Amino acid sequence: MPAPEKSHPHVLLVDDDPDYLELLRAALERDGLETEAVDRADAALARLERQPFDAIVVDLVLPSMDGWRLAAAIRERRGPRLPIVALSGVPSFRKLSEALLAGANCYIEKAALSPDRIASTVRNAVEAAAS
């Protein structure tokens, strides 16, 4: 009897740019991860209440609640084990520092983002959290 198939990591994507969400989704799904996407922080928090995720990719600039506050809210609700990958379209050491202080595990500038880089970053974060 074959061993049961291991499920693919499940990743929540949070970005208010639909084109960017599609780029993230395509990159992660091509790498074998399952994704769900929302365009607002409140929708992300609601989704987290309903189902488990193995990682979250968060744009730092969102309407109504920014990604820093979202990361802090996720940490408060889920603790330190859920990986959070923060994204920003504005390169800044200050943004990096603030994202990490808010609870993000890592930070990637959107300008430096490639499909391979986002996929490997998310997969590494999931594997590190599982060990």
C-alpha atoms as a PDB file:
ATOM      1  CA  MET A   1       0.000   0.000   0.000  1.00  0.00           C
ATOM      2  CA  PRO A   2       1.542   3.368  -0.995  1.00  0.00           C
ATOM      3  CA  ALA A   3       2.229   5.995   1.662  1.00  0.00           C
ATOM      4  CA  PRO A   4      -0.354   8.778   1.833  1.00  0.00           C
ATOM      5  CA  GLU A   5       0.577  11.797  -0.211  1.00  0.00           C
ATOM      6  CA  LYS A   6       1.813  14.758   1.808  1.00  0.00           C
ATOM      7  CA  SER A   7      -0.335  17.826   1.293  1.00  0.00           C
ATOM      8  CA  HIS A   8       1.206  20.910  -0.261  1.00  0.00           C
ATOM      9  CA  PRO A   9       1.916  23.926   1.945  1.00  0.00           C
ATOM     10  CA  HIS A  10      -1.026  26.325   2.002  1.00  0.00           C
ATOM     11  CA  VAL A  11      -0.132  30.025   1.650  1.00  0.00           C
ATOM     12  CA  LEU A  12      -2.308  33.111   2.157  1.00  0.00           C
ATOM     13  CA  LEU A  13      -1.440  36.023  -0.152  1.00  0.00           C
ATOM     14  CA  VAL A  14      -2.400  39.571   0.886  1.00  0.00           C
ATOM     15  CA  ASP A  15      -1.972  42.404  -1.619  1.00  0.00           C
ATOM     16  CA  ASP A  16      -4.350  45.061  -2.929  1.00  0.00           C
ATOM     17  CA  ASP A  17      -2.876  44.908  -6.452  1.00  0.00           C
ATOM     18  CA  PRO A  18      -4.733  42.185  -8.414  1.00  0.00           C
ATOM     19  CA  ASP A  19      -1.947  41.886 -10.992  1.00  0.00           C
ATOM     20  CA  TYR A  20       0.632  41.361  -8.299  1.00  0.00           C
ATOM     21  CA  LEU A  21      -1.573  38.827  -6.539  1.00  0.00           C
ATOM     22  CA  GLU A  22      -1.772  36.862  -9.778  1.00  0.00           C
ATOM     23  CA  LEU A  23       2.008  36.991 -10.205  1.00  0.00           C
ATOM     24  CA  LEU A  24       2.489  35.692  -6.645  1.00  0.00           C
ATOM     25  CA  ARG A  25      -0.132  32.994  -7.096  1.00  0.00           C
ATOM     26  CA  ALA A  26       1.401  31.763 -10.360  1.00  0.00           C
ATOM     27  CA  ALA A  27       4.941  31.671  -8.911  1.00  0.00           C
ATOM     28  CA  LEU A  28       3.953  29.768  -5.785  1.00  0.00           C
ATOM     29  CA  GLU A  29       1.584  27.339  -7.476  1.00  0.00           C
ATOM     30  CA  ARG A  30       4.220  26.562 -10.117  1.00  0.00           C
ATOM     31  CA  ASP A  31       6.442  25.568  -7.191  1.00  0.00           C
ATOM     32  CA  GLY A  32       3.771  23.223  -5.816  1.00  0.00           C
ATOM     33  CA  LEU A  33       2.297  25.409  -3.085  1.00  0.00           C
ATOM     34  CA  GLU A  34      -1.436  25.955  -2.673  1.00  0.00           C
ATOM     35  CA  THR A  35      -2.551  29.575  -2.449  1.00  0.00           C
ATOM     36  CA  GLU A  36      -5.496  31.709  -1.490  1.00  0.00           C
ATOM     37  CA  ALA A  37      -5.537  35.436  -2.113  1.00  0.00           C
ATOM     38  CA  VAL A  38      -7.235  38.394  -0.449  1.00  0.00           C
ATOM     39  CA  ASP A  39      -6.868  42.104  -1.102  1.00  0.00           C
ATOM     40  CA  ARG A  40      -7.400  43.537   2.398  1.00  0.00           C
ATOM     41  CA  ALA A  41      -5.980  42.976   5.871  1.00  0.00           C
ATOM     42  CA  ASP A  42      -9.401  42.456   7.461  1.00  0.00           C
ATOM     43  CA  ALA A  43     -10.158  39.746   4.882  1.00  0.00           C
ATOM     44  CA  ALA A  44      -6.825  38.093   5.736  1.00  0.00           C
ATOM     45  CA  LEU A  45      -7.620  38.055   9.457  1.00  0.00           C
ATOM     46  CA  ALA A  46     -11.083  36.613   8.773  1.00  0.00           C
ATOM     47  CA  ARG A  47      -9.598  33.896   6.559  1.00  0.00           C
ATOM     48  CA  LEU A  48      -7.050  33.030   9.260  1.00  0.00           C
ATOM     49  CA  GLU A  49      -9.879  32.510  11.735  1.00  0.00           C
ATOM     50  CA  ARG A  50     -11.571  29.996   9.424  1.00  0.00           C
ATOM     51  CA  GLN A  51      -8.661  27.880   8.232  1.00  0.00           C
ATOM     52  CA  PRO A  52      -4.996  27.091   8.845  1.00  0.00           C
ATOM     53  CA  PHE A  53      -2.174  28.314   6.637  1.00  0.00           C
ATOM     54  CA  ASP A  54       1.469  27.312   6.514  1.00  0.00           C
ATOM     55  CA  ALA A  55       2.691  30.832   5.595  1.00  0.00           C
ATOM     56  CA  ILE A  56       1.444  34.314   4.760  1.00  0.00           C
ATOM     57  CA  VAL A  57       2.820  36.736   2.161  1.00  0.00           C
ATOM     58  CA  VAL A  58       1.843  40.319   3.050  1.00  0.00           C
ATOM     59  CA  ASP A  59       2.237  43.573   1.156  1.00  0.00           C
ATOM     60  CA  LEU A  60       3.165  46.283   3.654  1.00  0.00           C
ATOM     61  CA  VAL A  61       1.044  48.964   1.975  1.00  0.00           C
ATOM     62  CA  LEU A  62      -2.635  48.025   2.198  1.00  0.00           C
ATOM     63  CA  PRO A  63      -5.803  50.088   2.525  1.00  0.00           C
ATOM     64  CA  SER A  64      -7.353  50.567   5.992  1.00  0.00           C
ATOM     65  CA  MET A  65      -4.810  48.421   7.891  1.00  0.00           C
ATOM     66  CA  ASP A  66      -1.205  48.332   6.716  1.00  0.00           C
ATOM     67  CA  GLY A  67       0.935  45.228   6.555  1.00  0.00           C
ATOM     68  CA  TRP A  68       2.866  46.129   9.712  1.00  0.00           C
ATOM     69  CA  ARG A  69      -0.303  46.158  11.798  1.00  0.00           C
ATOM     70  CA  LEU A  70      -1.505  43.016  10.021  1.00  0.00           C
ATOM     71  CA  ALA A  71       1.748  41.200  10.880  1.00  0.00           C
ATOM     72  CA  ALA A  72       1.427  42.286  14.514  1.00  0.00           C
ATOM     73  CA  ALA A  73      -2.210  41.124  14.634  1.00  0.00           C
ATOM     74  CA  ILE A  74      -1.259  37.757  13.138  1.00  0.00           C
ATOM     75  CA  ARG A  75       1.507  37.329  15.720  1.00  0.00           C
ATOM     76  CA  GLU A  76      -0.920  38.188  18.505  1.00  0.00           C
ATOM     77  CA  ARG A  77      -3.464  35.621  17.274  1.00  0.00           C
ATOM     78  CA  ARG A  78      -1.215  32.856  15.945  1.00  0.00           C
ATOM     79  CA  GLY A  79       2.068  33.250  17.790  1.00  0.00           C
ATOM     80  CA  PRO A  80       5.570  33.115  16.339  1.00  0.00           C
ATOM     81  CA  ARG A  81       5.384  29.812  14.407  1.00  0.00           C
ATOM     82  CA  LEU A  82       3.399  31.013  11.366  1.00  0.00           C
ATOM     83  CA  PRO A  83       5.878  32.390   8.793  1.00  0.00           C
ATOM     84  CA  ILE A  84       5.155  35.891   7.487  1.00  0.00           C
ATOM     85  CA  VAL A  85       6.938  37.133   4.358  1.00  0.00           C
ATOM     86  CA  ALA A  86       6.617  40.925   4.010  1.00  0.00           C
ATOM     87  CA  LEU A  87       6.718  42.638   0.600  1.00  0.00           C
ATOM     88  CA  SER A  88       7.168  46.291  -0.250  1.00  0.00           C
ATOM     89  CA  GLY A  89       7.380  48.233  -3.467  1.00  0.00           C
ATOM     90  CA  VAL A  90       9.426  50.928  -1.746  1.00  0.00           C
ATOM     91  CA  PRO A  91      13.002  49.896  -0.886  1.00  0.00           C
ATOM     92  CA  SER A  92      13.910  51.103   2.575  1.00  0.00           C
ATOM     93  CA  PHE A  93      15.997  49.879   5.499  1.00  0.00           C
ATOM     94  CA  ARG A  94      13.426  51.500   7.791  1.00  0.00           C
ATOM     95  CA  LYS A  95      10.602  49.456   6.215  1.00  0.00           C
ATOM     96  CA  LEU A  96      12.677  46.298   6.616  1.00  0.00           C
ATOM     97  CA  SER A  97      13.326  47.049  10.287  1.00  0.00           C
ATOM     98  CA  GLU A  98       9.694  47.903  10.976  1.00  0.00           C
ATOM     99  CA  ALA A  99       8.444  44.774   9.198  1.00  0.00           C
ATOM    100  CA  LEU A 100      10.739  42.541  11.241  1.00  0.00           C
ATOM    101  CA  LEU A 101       9.800  44.297  14.487  1.00  0.00           C
ATOM    102  CA  ALA A 102       6.107  43.838  13.652  1.00  0.00           C
ATOM    103  CA  GLY A 103       6.623  40.095  13.345  1.00  0.00           C
ATOM    104  CA  ALA A 104       7.597  39.342   9.755  1.00  0.00           C
ATOM    105  CA  ASN A 105      10.160  36.566   9.313  1.00  0.00           C
ATOM    106  CA  CYS A 106      11.659  38.137   6.205  1.00  0.00           C
ATOM    107  CA  TYR A 107      11.258  41.076   3.846  1.00  0.00           C
ATOM    108  CA  ILE A 108      11.536  41.231   0.066  1.00  0.00           C
ATOM    109  CA  GLU A 109      11.474  44.344  -2.099  1.00  0.00           C
ATOM    110  CA  LYS A 110       9.012  43.927  -4.934  1.00  0.00           C
ATOM    111  CA  ALA A 111      11.521  45.339  -7.436  1.00  0.00           C
ATOM    112  CA  ALA A 112      13.947  42.524  -6.561  1.00  0.00           C
ATOM    113  CA  LEU A 113      11.284  39.850  -6.645  1.00  0.00           C
ATOM    114  CA  SER A 114      11.427  37.022  -9.139  1.00  0.00           C
ATOM    115  CA  PRO A 115       9.114  33.988  -9.254  1.00  0.00           C
ATOM    116  CA  ASP A 116      11.967  31.725  -8.144  1.00  0.00           C
ATOM    117  CA  ARG A 117      12.930  34.012  -5.280  1.00  0.00           C
ATOM    118  CA  ILE A 118       9.427  34.320  -3.824  1.00  0.00           C
ATOM    119  CA  ALA A 119       8.839  30.576  -4.146  1.00  0.00           C
ATOM    120  CA  SER A 120      12.127  29.633  -2.491  1.00  0.00           C
ATOM    121  CA  THR A 121      11.679  32.243   0.263  1.00  0.00           C
ATOM    122  CA  VAL A 122       8.195  31.004   1.143  1.00  0.00           C
ATOM    123  CA  ARG A 123       9.171  27.333   0.937  1.00  0.00           C
ATOM    124  CA  ASN A 124      12.236  27.940   3.161  1.00  0.00           C
ATOM    125  CA  ALA A 125      10.098  29.799   5.702  1.00  0.00           C
ATOM    126  CA  VAL A 126       7.558  26.939   5.795  1.00  0.00           C
ATOM    127  CA  GLU A 127      10.297  24.330   6.198  1.00  0.00           C
ATOM    128  CA  ALA A 128      12.013  26.324   8.956  1.00  0.00           C
ATOM    129  CA  ALA A 129       8.725  26.668  10.865  1.00  0.00           C
ATOM    130  CA  ALA A 130       8.055  22.926  10.565  1.00  0.00           C
ATOM    131  CA  SER A 131      11.415  21.924  12.022  1.00  0.00           C
END
